[in-house]
Amino acid sequence: MFNCDWWKQANNYVLYGSKILPIIFYSDATTLDHFGKSSRHPIFITIGNILTNFCNKPKSKALVDLIPILEKSKQKKETKEFREAIRITFHK
């Protein structure tokens, strides 16, 4: 992030003495039970300009939400419930 053109351009537009605070959202699929039947995508937020060894500690990130992983078999994709779940998931 610090060696990109957009970062340099963004720093040129802030007032003298002001700082840019990069915020990073990230996700990774995780299993919620021991049987592997319930999975979600947890969405985390962290600040981008802290040292890497601090980024990976639990105190430096916050859980924002859990997004469900939707099954996508051909039969399920055409059901009303699946379409409603897609609509709710992506219009949050």
N, C-alpha and C. Protein backbone atom coordinates (compact mmCIF):
# COMPACT_ATOMS: atom_id res chain seq x y z
N MET A 1 0.82 -1.18 0.00
CA MET A 1 0.00 0.00 0.00
C MET A 1 0.86 1.25 0.00
N PHE A 2 2.02 1.20 0.64
CA PHE A 2 2.84 2.39 0.74
C PHE A 2 3.70 2.64 -0.50
N ASN A 3 3.79 1.69 -1.40
CA ASN A 3 4.59 1.88 -2.61
C ASN A 3 3.72 1.97 -3.86
N CYS A 4 2.48 2.36 -3.71
CA CYS A 4 1.56 2.48 -4.84
C CYS A 4 1.34 3.95 -5.19
N ASP A 5 1.03 4.19 -6.45
CA ASP A 5 0.77 5.56 -6.89
C ASP A 5 -0.44 6.17 -6.21
N TRP A 6 -1.51 5.38 -6.01
CA TRP A 6 -2.72 5.93 -5.40
C TRP A 6 -2.45 6.40 -3.98
N TRP A 7 -1.53 5.72 -3.28
CA TRP A 7 -1.21 6.10 -1.90
C TRP A 7 -0.51 7.47 -1.89
N LYS A 8 0.42 7.66 -2.81
CA LYS A 8 1.13 8.95 -2.92
C LYS A 8 0.16 10.06 -3.31
N GLN A 9 -0.73 9.77 -4.26
CA GLN A 9 -1.71 10.78 -4.68
C GLN A 9 -2.66 11.13 -3.54
N ALA A 10 -3.09 10.14 -2.79
CA ALA A 10 -4.00 10.39 -1.67
C ALA A 10 -3.32 11.25 -0.61
N ASN A 11 -2.05 11.00 -0.35
CA ASN A 11 -1.32 11.80 0.63
C ASN A 11 -1.15 13.25 0.17
N ASN A 12 -1.13 13.49 -1.11
CA ASN A 12 -1.01 14.85 -1.63
C ASN A 12 -2.29 15.67 -1.42
N TYR A 13 -3.44 15.01 -1.25
CA TYR A 13 -4.71 15.71 -1.13
C TYR A 13 -5.15 15.97 0.32
N VAL A 14 -4.44 15.43 1.29
CA VAL A 14 -4.84 15.66 2.68
C VAL A 14 -4.22 16.96 3.19
N LEU A 15 -4.84 17.56 4.16
CA LEU A 15 -4.34 18.79 4.75
C LEU A 15 -3.02 18.55 5.47
N TYR A 16 -2.21 19.58 5.58
CA TYR A 16 -0.91 19.46 6.25
C TYR A 16 -1.13 19.01 7.70
N GLY A 17 -0.40 18.00 8.12
CA GLY A 17 -0.52 17.47 9.47
C GLY A 17 -1.56 16.38 9.60
N SER A 18 -2.37 16.16 8.57
CA SER A 18 -3.38 15.10 8.59
C SER A 18 -2.77 13.79 8.14
N LYS A 19 -3.37 12.72 8.51
CA LYS A 19 -2.90 11.38 8.15
C LYS A 19 -4.04 10.59 7.51
N ILE A 20 -3.66 9.67 6.65
CA ILE A 20 -4.63 8.75 6.05
C ILE A 20 -4.62 7.46 6.85
N LEU A 21 -5.80 6.97 7.18
CA LEU A 21 -5.93 5.74 7.95
C LEU A 21 -6.50 4.65 7.05
N PRO A 22 -5.65 3.72 6.61
CA PRO A 22 -6.17 2.64 5.77
C PRO A 22 -6.91 1.61 6.62
N ILE A 23 -8.11 1.27 6.17
CA ILE A 23 -8.93 0.27 6.86
C ILE A 23 -9.05 -0.94 5.95
N ILE A 24 -8.77 -2.11 6.49
CA ILE A 24 -8.77 -3.35 5.71
C ILE A 24 -9.91 -4.26 6.20
N PHE A 25 -10.73 -4.68 5.26
CA PHE A 25 -11.74 -5.71 5.51
C PHE A 25 -11.24 -6.99 4.87
N TYR A 26 -11.35 -8.11 5.57
CA TYR A 26 -10.93 -9.38 4.98
C TYR A 26 -11.81 -10.51 5.48
N SER A 27 -11.78 -11.59 4.73
CA SER A 27 -12.64 -12.72 5.04
C SER A 27 -11.93 -14.02 4.70
N ASP A 28 -12.37 -15.07 5.36
CA ASP A 28 -11.87 -16.41 5.08
C ASP A 28 -12.96 -17.38 5.54
N ALA A 29 -13.23 -18.38 4.74
CA ALA A 29 -14.27 -19.34 5.11
C ALA A 29 -13.84 -20.12 6.35
N THR A 30 -14.77 -20.38 7.23
CA THR A 30 -14.48 -21.13 8.44
C THR A 30 -15.64 -22.08 8.75
N THR A 31 -15.33 -23.16 9.43
CA THR A 31 -16.34 -24.14 9.83
C THR A 31 -16.76 -23.82 11.26
N LEU A 32 -18.06 -23.84 11.51
CA LEU A 32 -18.58 -23.48 12.81
C LEU A 32 -18.87 -24.66 13.73
N ASP A 33 -18.84 -25.88 13.18
CA ASP A 33 -19.10 -27.04 14.01
C ASP A 33 -18.04 -28.12 13.76
N HIS A 34 -18.05 -29.15 14.59
CA HIS A 34 -17.04 -30.21 14.47
C HIS A 34 -17.30 -31.16 13.31
N PHE A 35 -18.49 -31.15 12.76
CA PHE A 35 -18.84 -32.07 11.69
C PHE A 35 -18.61 -31.48 10.31
N GLY A 36 -18.31 -30.20 10.22
CA GLY A 36 -18.06 -29.56 8.93
C GLY A 36 -19.31 -29.27 8.13
N LYS A 37 -20.46 -29.26 8.78
CA LYS A 37 -21.71 -29.04 8.06
C LYS A 37 -22.14 -27.58 8.05
N SER A 38 -21.62 -26.79 8.95
CA SER A 38 -22.02 -25.40 9.05
C SER A 38 -20.81 -24.50 8.82
N SER A 39 -20.82 -23.77 7.71
CA SER A 39 -19.70 -22.89 7.37
C SER A 39 -20.20 -21.47 7.16
N ARG A 40 -19.32 -20.51 7.40
CA ARG A 40 -19.62 -19.09 7.20
C ARG A 40 -18.35 -18.37 6.75
N HIS A 41 -18.54 -17.17 6.26
CA HIS A 41 -17.43 -16.28 5.93
C HIS A 41 -17.40 -15.17 6.97
N PRO A 42 -16.50 -15.24 7.96
CA PRO A 42 -16.43 -14.13 8.91
C PRO A 42 -15.75 -12.92 8.25
N ILE A 43 -16.30 -11.74 8.45
CA ILE A 43 -15.73 -10.51 7.91
C ILE A 43 -15.05 -9.79 9.08
N PHE A 44 -13.75 -9.55 8.93
CA PHE A 44 -12.97 -8.86 9.94
C PHE A 44 -12.56 -7.49 9.43
N ILE A 45 -12.26 -6.59 10.35
CA ILE A 45 -11.77 -5.26 10.03
C ILE A 45 -10.51 -5.01 10.86
N THR A 46 -9.53 -4.36 10.25
CA THR A 46 -8.30 -3.99 10.94
C THR A 46 -7.76 -2.70 10.33
N ILE A 47 -6.80 -2.11 10.99
CA ILE A 47 -6.16 -0.90 10.49
C ILE A 47 -4.94 -1.32 9.68
N GLY A 48 -4.74 -0.70 8.53
CA GLY A 48 -3.70 -1.15 7.61
C GLY A 48 -2.30 -0.69 7.89
N ASN A 49 -2.10 0.32 8.72
CA ASN A 49 -0.75 0.82 8.90
C ASN A 49 -0.14 0.45 10.25
N ILE A 50 -0.47 -0.75 10.75
CA ILE A 50 0.19 -1.24 11.95
C ILE A 50 1.11 -2.39 11.55
N LEU A 51 2.08 -2.68 12.38
CA LEU A 51 3.06 -3.71 12.07
C LEU A 51 2.40 -5.07 11.90
N THR A 52 2.97 -5.90 11.04
CA THR A 52 2.39 -7.20 10.71
C THR A 52 2.25 -8.10 11.93
N ASN A 53 3.25 -8.09 12.82
CA ASN A 53 3.14 -8.98 13.98
C ASN A 53 2.01 -8.55 14.92
N PHE A 54 1.56 -7.29 14.86
CA PHE A 54 0.40 -6.86 15.63
C PHE A 54 -0.91 -7.12 14.89
N CYS A 55 -0.87 -7.12 13.57
CA CYS A 55 -2.09 -7.34 12.77
C CYS A 55 -2.72 -8.70 13.05
N ASN A 56 -1.91 -9.69 13.35
CA ASN A 56 -2.41 -11.05 13.52
C ASN A 56 -2.87 -11.36 14.95
N LYS A 57 -2.78 -10.40 15.84
CA LYS A 57 -3.22 -10.62 17.21
C LYS A 57 -4.72 -10.32 17.33
N PRO A 58 -5.41 -11.05 18.21
CA PRO A 58 -6.86 -10.85 18.35
C PRO A 58 -7.27 -9.43 18.72
N LYS A 59 -6.43 -8.71 19.46
CA LYS A 59 -6.79 -7.35 19.87
C LYS A 59 -6.74 -6.34 18.73
N SER A 60 -6.10 -6.68 17.62
CA SER A 60 -5.94 -5.72 16.53
C SER A 60 -6.99 -5.86 15.44
N LYS A 61 -7.94 -6.77 15.59
CA LYS A 61 -8.99 -6.94 14.59
C LYS A 61 -10.33 -7.11 15.28
N ALA A 62 -11.37 -6.83 14.53
CA ALA A 62 -12.73 -6.96 15.07
C ALA A 62 -13.60 -7.71 14.08
N LEU A 63 -14.45 -8.58 14.60
CA LEU A 63 -15.41 -9.30 13.78
C LEU A 63 -16.57 -8.38 13.45
N VAL A 64 -16.85 -8.20 12.17
CA VAL A 64 -17.92 -7.32 11.73
C VAL A 64 -19.22 -8.09 11.52
N ASP A 65 -19.13 -9.23 10.82
CA ASP A 65 -20.33 -9.99 10.50
C ASP A 65 -19.94 -11.39 10.05
N LEU A 66 -20.91 -12.27 10.02
CA LEU A 66 -20.76 -13.61 9.46
C LEU A 66 -21.68 -13.73 8.26
N ILE A 67 -21.11 -13.98 7.10
CA ILE A 67 -21.90 -14.12 5.88
C ILE A 67 -22.08 -15.61 5.60
N PRO A 68 -23.30 -16.07 5.37
CA PRO A 68 -23.51 -17.49 5.11
C PRO A 68 -22.95 -17.92 3.76
N ILE A 69 -22.51 -19.16 3.70
CA ILE A 69 -22.07 -19.76 2.44
C ILE A 69 -23.28 -20.51 1.88
N LEU A 70 -23.76 -20.07 0.75
CA LEU A 70 -24.97 -20.64 0.17
C LEU A 70 -24.65 -21.83 -0.72
N GLU A 71 -25.42 -22.89 -0.55
CA GLU A 71 -25.28 -24.06 -1.42
C GLU A 71 -25.76 -23.67 -2.80
N LYS A 72 -25.11 -24.17 -3.84
CA LYS A 72 -25.49 -23.74 -5.18
C LYS A 72 -25.73 -24.89 -6.15
N SER A 73 -26.46 -25.88 -5.70
CA SER A 73 -26.84 -26.94 -6.62
C SER A 73 -27.90 -26.39 -7.58
N LYS A 74 -28.02 -26.99 -8.72
CA LYS A 74 -28.95 -26.50 -9.75
C LYS A 74 -30.39 -26.46 -9.21
N GLN A 75 -30.79 -27.46 -8.45
CA GLN A 75 -32.15 -27.50 -7.93
C GLN A 75 -32.38 -26.40 -6.90
N LYS A 76 -31.40 -26.17 -6.04
CA LYS A 76 -31.56 -25.16 -5.00
C LYS A 76 -31.50 -23.74 -5.56
N LYS A 77 -30.75 -23.53 -6.63
CA LYS A 77 -30.62 -22.19 -7.20
C LYS A 77 -31.94 -21.66 -7.75
N GLU A 78 -32.82 -22.55 -8.12
CA GLU A 78 -34.08 -22.13 -8.72
C GLU A 78 -35.21 -21.99 -7.70
N THR A 79 -34.93 -22.24 -6.43
CA THR A 79 -35.99 -22.12 -5.44
C THR A 79 -36.15 -20.67 -4.99
N LYS A 80 -37.32 -20.36 -4.52
CA LYS A 80 -37.62 -19.01 -4.02
C LYS A 80 -36.77 -18.68 -2.79
N GLU A 81 -36.55 -19.67 -1.94
CA GLU A 81 -35.77 -19.45 -0.72
C GLU A 81 -34.32 -19.08 -1.05
N PHE A 82 -33.72 -19.75 -2.05
CA PHE A 82 -32.34 -19.45 -2.43
C PHE A 82 -32.23 -18.04 -2.99
N ARG A 83 -33.15 -17.67 -3.85
CA ARG A 83 -33.12 -16.31 -4.42
C ARG A 83 -33.30 -15.25 -3.34
N GLU A 84 -34.16 -15.53 -2.37
CA GLU A 84 -34.36 -14.60 -1.25
C GLU A 84 -33.10 -14.51 -0.39
N ALA A 85 -32.43 -15.63 -0.16
CA ALA A 85 -31.18 -15.62 0.62
C ALA A 85 -30.10 -14.82 -0.11
N ILE A 86 -30.00 -14.94 -1.41
CA ILE A 86 -29.05 -14.15 -2.20
C ILE A 86 -29.38 -12.67 -2.09
N ARG A 87 -30.64 -12.33 -2.20
CA ARG A 87 -31.07 -10.93 -2.12
C ARG A 87 -30.73 -10.34 -0.75
N ILE A 88 -30.99 -11.08 0.31
CA ILE A 88 -30.69 -10.60 1.66
C ILE A 88 -29.18 -10.48 1.88
N THR A 89 -28.43 -11.45 1.41
CA THR A 89 -26.98 -11.45 1.61
C THR A 89 -26.30 -10.27 0.94
N PHE A 90 -26.66 -9.96 -0.29
CA PHE A 90 -25.94 -8.95 -1.04
C PHE A 90 -26.55 -7.56 -0.95
N HIS A 91 -27.65 -7.40 -0.24
CA HIS A 91 -28.24 -6.07 -0.06
C HIS A 91 -28.15 -5.63 1.39
N LYS A 92 -27.24 -6.20 2.13
CA LYS A 92 -27.08 -5.87 3.54
C LYS A 92 -26.44 -4.54 3.72
